[in-house]
C-alpha cells in the first residue's frame, strides 16, 4: 500500500544554501542584487509549491553486482549504485515532486524573458524536489542500516527503467506523468529508492567517480571536497 503526503513551504523553509549551490556559488553567498532577486522569485513561486510524495516499502534484493529486485521486479542500476547495496533486504520506493502548480507558475514566469530570474527559479525547483525527497527519508530516519537514495538516470542507471519503476505505483503518482523518453512532468520531480538491511552499511555518495557533469548530487559532492 502506498502512502501519499502533501506539504506547503515558505521562504523560511527553503534551504538557501542549497539554492546557492545549485546556482554554482558553492559555499559562497551571491551579491545583494542576486539575493534580492532570489527573494522576489521565491516570494512569487513558493505560494504555488506543493511538495508531494508517495512511497511504499517493498522486499528488495541485490541479485548481482549490477542487478537488484524491487518488489519482485528486476532492475539494472549497474555497478556504482549496486556497490552500496550489500545486505539489502527491503527498500522504500518513492516519487516526489515540487508539484504541478509550481511547474506551471515557473513556465508562466519564463514568458517574461528574464533569464536570470528563470535560472533562479530553476535552482529553487531543484532544491524543492530534493527537499521533497528529504520528506520521504524523514519518514524512516537515517540509520546506519539505511542507504542514501538512488534514482533512475543517475550513475549509469538507464532512464528507460523509469517505466518499470513507475509500475510500482498507481497511475500518475503525485500527478507525475512520464514522457515517451521517460522524463517526468512536472519537471522538478524525483523517483528513486533507498534500501534497508540489518547487514547494510550506509555509505556516502562517491561523487568523484561520476562522469555526469549535470548531476546535482555530483556537484554537491564536489563542493564538499
Protein backbone atom coordinates (compact mmCIF):
# COMPACT_ATOMS: atom_id res chain seq x y z
CA UNK A 1 0.00 0.00 0.00
CA UNK A 2 1.28 3.46 -0.92
CA UNK A 3 1.43 6.40 1.46
CA UNK A 4 0.92 9.88 0.00
CA UNK A 5 1.54 13.23 1.64
CA UNK A 6 1.48 16.93 0.63
CA UNK A 7 3.45 19.79 2.20
CA UNK A 8 3.41 23.53 1.72
CA UNK A 9 6.64 25.50 2.03
CA UNK A 10 7.56 29.09 2.87
CA UNK A 11 10.68 31.14 2.08
CA UNK A 12 11.89 30.41 5.62
CA UNK A 13 11.64 26.67 4.93
CA UNK A 14 13.71 26.88 1.75
CA UNK A 15 17.32 25.72 2.10
CA UNK A 16 19.02 28.79 0.64
CA UNK A 17 22.49 27.30 0.97
CA UNK A 18 21.42 24.55 -1.42
CA UNK A 19 19.90 27.13 -3.78
CA UNK A 20 23.24 28.97 -3.97
CA UNK A 21 24.99 25.64 -4.54
CA UNK A 22 22.57 24.74 -7.34
CA UNK A 23 23.35 28.13 -8.91
CA UNK A 24 27.08 27.38 -8.81
CA UNK A 25 28.12 29.54 -5.86
CA UNK A 26 29.45 26.53 -3.96
CA UNK A 27 29.94 27.65 -0.35
CA UNK A 28 29.72 31.35 -1.22
CA UNK A 29 26.78 33.72 -0.97
CA UNK A 30 25.86 35.85 -4.00
CA UNK A 31 25.83 39.63 -4.00
CA UNK A 32 22.96 41.69 -2.67
CA UNK A 33 21.38 42.21 -6.09
CA UNK A 34 21.12 38.45 -6.61
CA UNK A 35 19.89 37.95 -3.04
CA UNK A 36 17.12 40.48 -3.59
CA UNK A 37 16.08 38.95 -6.91
CA UNK A 38 16.10 35.46 -5.43
CA UNK A 39 13.87 36.56 -2.58
CA UNK A 40 11.49 38.14 -5.09
CA UNK A 41 11.41 34.99 -7.24
CA UNK A 42 10.81 32.80 -4.19
CA UNK A 43 8.01 35.06 -2.98
CA UNK A 44 6.29 34.70 -6.36
CA UNK A 45 6.75 30.94 -6.69
CA UNK A 46 6.57 29.35 -3.26
CA UNK A 47 2.84 30.03 -2.69
CA UNK A 48 2.33 27.61 -5.59
CA UNK A 49 4.72 24.93 -4.32
CA UNK A 50 3.00 21.80 -3.06
CA UNK A 51 5.65 19.23 -2.21
CA UNK A 52 4.07 15.85 -2.86
CA UNK A 53 5.48 12.45 -2.01
CA UNK A 54 4.28 8.89 -2.48
CA UNK A 55 6.18 5.91 -1.13
CA UNK A 56 5.90 2.27 -0.18
CA UNK A 57 8.16 -0.26 1.49
CA UNK A 58 8.88 -3.38 -0.56
CA UNK A 59 11.01 -6.50 -0.44
CA UNK A 60 14.34 -5.98 -2.21
CA UNK A 61 17.47 -7.92 -3.03
CA UNK A 62 20.85 -7.34 -4.61
CA UNK A 63 20.96 -10.10 -7.22
CA UNK A 64 24.39 -9.38 -8.69
CA UNK A 65 26.97 -6.63 -8.94
CA UNK A 66 24.70 -4.91 -11.50
CA UNK A 67 21.14 -6.07 -10.74
CA UNK A 68 18.59 -5.74 -7.96
CA UNK A 69 14.94 -6.66 -7.44
CA UNK A 70 12.34 -4.29 -6.03
CA UNK A 71 9.01 -5.91 -5.17
CA UNK A 72 9.98 -8.83 -7.43
CA UNK A 73 10.78 -6.66 -10.47
CA UNK A 74 14.30 -6.73 -11.90
CA UNK A 75 16.28 -3.51 -12.30
CA UNK A 76 19.82 -2.87 -13.51
CA UNK A 77 21.30 0.16 -11.71
CA UNK A 78 24.80 -1.11 -12.64
CA UNK A 79 27.92 -1.21 -10.56
CA UNK A 80 28.15 2.17 -8.84
CA UNK A 81 24.74 2.01 -7.18
CA UNK A 82 24.86 -1.75 -6.56
CA UNK A 83 28.16 -1.34 -4.71
CA UNK A 84 26.22 0.48 -1.97
CA UNK A 85 23.58 -2.22 -1.57
CA UNK A 86 25.29 -5.21 0.04
CA UNK A 87 22.93 -6.59 2.68
CA UNK A 88 19.77 -5.01 1.24
CA UNK A 89 16.60 -6.89 2.16
CA UNK A 90 13.96 -4.16 1.83
CA UNK A 91 13.61 -0.79 0.10
CA UNK A 92 11.42 2.28 0.17
CA UNK A 93 10.46 3.20 -3.39
CA UNK A 94 9.22 6.75 -3.84
CA UNK A 95 8.26 9.58 -6.13
CA UNK A 96 8.49 13.21 -5.02
CA UNK A 97 7.71 16.49 -6.74
CA UNK A 98 7.55 20.25 -6.26
CA UNK A 99 4.09 19.98 -7.80
CA UNK A 100 2.25 20.83 -10.99
CA UNK A 101 1.17 24.26 -9.75
CA UNK A 102 4.81 25.23 -9.17
CA UNK A 103 5.75 23.85 -12.61
CA UNK A 104 3.07 25.91 -14.33
CA UNK A 105 4.00 29.09 -12.44
CA UNK A 106 7.66 28.68 -13.48
CA UNK A 107 6.57 28.29 -17.13
CA UNK A 108 4.47 31.44 -16.80
CA UNK A 109 7.44 33.34 -15.38
CA UNK A 110 9.65 32.25 -18.28
CA UNK A 111 7.40 34.13 -20.68
CA UNK A 112 8.67 37.36 -19.11
CA UNK A 113 12.11 36.74 -20.63
CA UNK A 114 14.22 37.39 -17.54
CA UNK A 115 17.00 34.82 -17.96
CA UNK A 116 18.49 35.35 -14.51
CA UNK A 117 15.11 35.04 -12.79
CA UNK A 118 14.49 31.85 -14.79
CA UNK A 119 17.82 30.43 -13.62
CA UNK A 120 16.98 31.22 -10.00
CA UNK A 121 13.53 29.67 -10.41
CA UNK A 122 15.05 26.52 -11.86
CA UNK A 123 17.53 26.30 -8.97
CA UNK A 124 14.75 26.77 -6.42
CA UNK A 125 12.77 24.00 -8.12
CA UNK A 126 15.76 21.66 -7.96
CA UNK A 127 16.11 22.28 -4.24
CA UNK A 128 12.38 21.84 -3.65
CA UNK A 129 12.49 18.45 -5.34
CA UNK A 130 15.41 17.45 -3.12
CA UNK A 131 13.55 18.70 -0.04
CA UNK A 132 10.59 16.56 -1.10
CA UNK A 133 12.90 13.54 -1.17
CA UNK A 134 14.04 14.57 2.30
CA UNK A 135 10.41 14.35 3.44
CA UNK A 136 10.36 10.71 2.37
CA UNK A 137 13.60 9.95 4.17
CA UNK A 138 12.28 11.66 7.30
CA UNK A 139 9.51 9.08 7.47
CA UNK A 140 12.12 6.42 8.23
CA UNK A 141 15.04 8.28 9.80
CA UNK A 142 18.59 7.83 8.55
CA UNK A 143 20.13 4.97 10.48
CA UNK A 144 23.36 3.10 9.79
CA UNK A 145 21.40 0.28 8.12
CA UNK A 146 19.55 2.55 5.66
CA UNK A 147 21.17 3.68 2.41
CA UNK A 148 21.05 7.08 0.78
CA UNK A 149 18.60 7.48 -2.10
CA UNK A 150 19.28 6.40 -5.70
CA UNK A 151 17.32 7.32 -8.82
CA UNK A 152 16.91 6.09 -12.41
CA UNK A 153 19.08 8.20 -14.68
CA UNK A 154 21.89 8.63 -12.14
CA UNK A 155 25.19 6.73 -12.04
CA UNK A 156 24.59 4.99 -15.40
CA UNK A 157 21.19 3.64 -14.34
CA UNK A 158 19.36 3.63 -17.68
CA UNK A 159 16.47 6.08 -17.52
CA UNK A 160 14.33 3.71 -19.60
CA UNK A 161 13.79 1.72 -16.39
CA UNK A 162 11.57 4.56 -15.21
CA UNK A 163 8.67 2.79 -16.89
CA UNK A 164 9.10 -0.38 -14.81
CA UNK A 165 9.80 1.73 -11.72
CA UNK A 166 6.54 3.65 -12.13
CA UNK A 167 4.67 0.34 -12.37
CA UNK A 168 5.34 0.00 -8.63
CA UNK A 169 2.83 2.85 -8.07
CA UNK A 170 -0.73 3.70 -9.09
CA UNK A 171 -1.06 5.58 -12.42
CA UNK A 172 0.24 9.18 -12.31
CA UNK A 173 1.54 9.12 -8.73
CA UNK A 174 1.51 12.62 -7.19
CA UNK A 175 0.26 13.84 -10.58
CA UNK A 176 3.53 12.87 -12.27
CA UNK A 177 3.49 11.61 -15.85
CA UNK A 178 6.24 10.04 -17.95
CA UNK A 179 7.04 11.19 -21.48
CA UNK A 180 7.91 8.69 -24.25
CA UNK A 181 11.55 9.48 -23.43
CA UNK A 182 10.90 8.64 -19.73
CA UNK A 183 11.22 12.21 -18.46
CA UNK A 184 8.87 13.34 -15.71
CA UNK A 185 6.31 16.14 -15.70
CA UNK A 186 6.27 18.24 -13.55
CA UNK A 187 9.94 18.76 -14.34
CA UNK A 188 11.01 19.17 -10.71
CA UNK A 189 10.20 15.60 -9.77
CA UNK A 190 12.34 12.75 -8.49
CA UNK A 191 11.82 9.00 -8.43
CA UNK A 192 14.04 6.58 -6.58
CA UNK A 193 14.56 4.28 -3.65
CA UNK A 194 16.62 3.80 -0.55
CA UNK A 195 17.48 0.42 0.89
CA UNK A 196 17.30 -1.24 4.30
CA UNK A 197 19.03 -4.27 5.75
CA UNK A 198 20.50 -5.42 9.05
CA UNK A 199 23.81 -6.04 7.28
CA UNK A 200 23.65 -2.94 5.06
CA UNK A 201 26.23 -0.26 5.83
CA UNK A 202 25.24 3.33 5.00
CA UNK A 203 27.81 4.91 2.68
CA UNK A 204 28.25 8.45 1.32
CA UNK A 205 27.91 9.24 -2.38
CA UNK A 206 31.24 8.70 -4.15
CA UNK A 207 30.67 11.61 -6.49
CA UNK A 208 34.30 11.90 -7.52
CA UNK A 209 33.90 8.86 -9.82
CA UNK A 210 30.76 10.20 -11.53
CA UNK A 211 31.02 11.10 -15.22
CA UNK A 212 27.75 13.07 -15.43
CA UNK A 213 28.60 16.81 -15.29
CA UNK A 214 24.93 17.86 -14.89
CA UNK A 215 24.14 15.62 -11.91
CA UNK A 216 23.02 17.68 -8.92
CA UNK A 217 24.45 15.17 -6.46
CA UNK A 218 27.80 15.18 -8.27
CA UNK A 219 28.06 18.95 -7.95
CA UNK A 220 27.09 18.66 -4.30
CA UNK A 221 29.86 16.16 -3.72
CA UNK A 222 32.46 18.27 -5.47
CA UNK A 223 31.58 21.24 -3.30
CA UNK A 224 32.15 19.27 -0.13
CA UNK A 225 35.72 18.29 -1.07
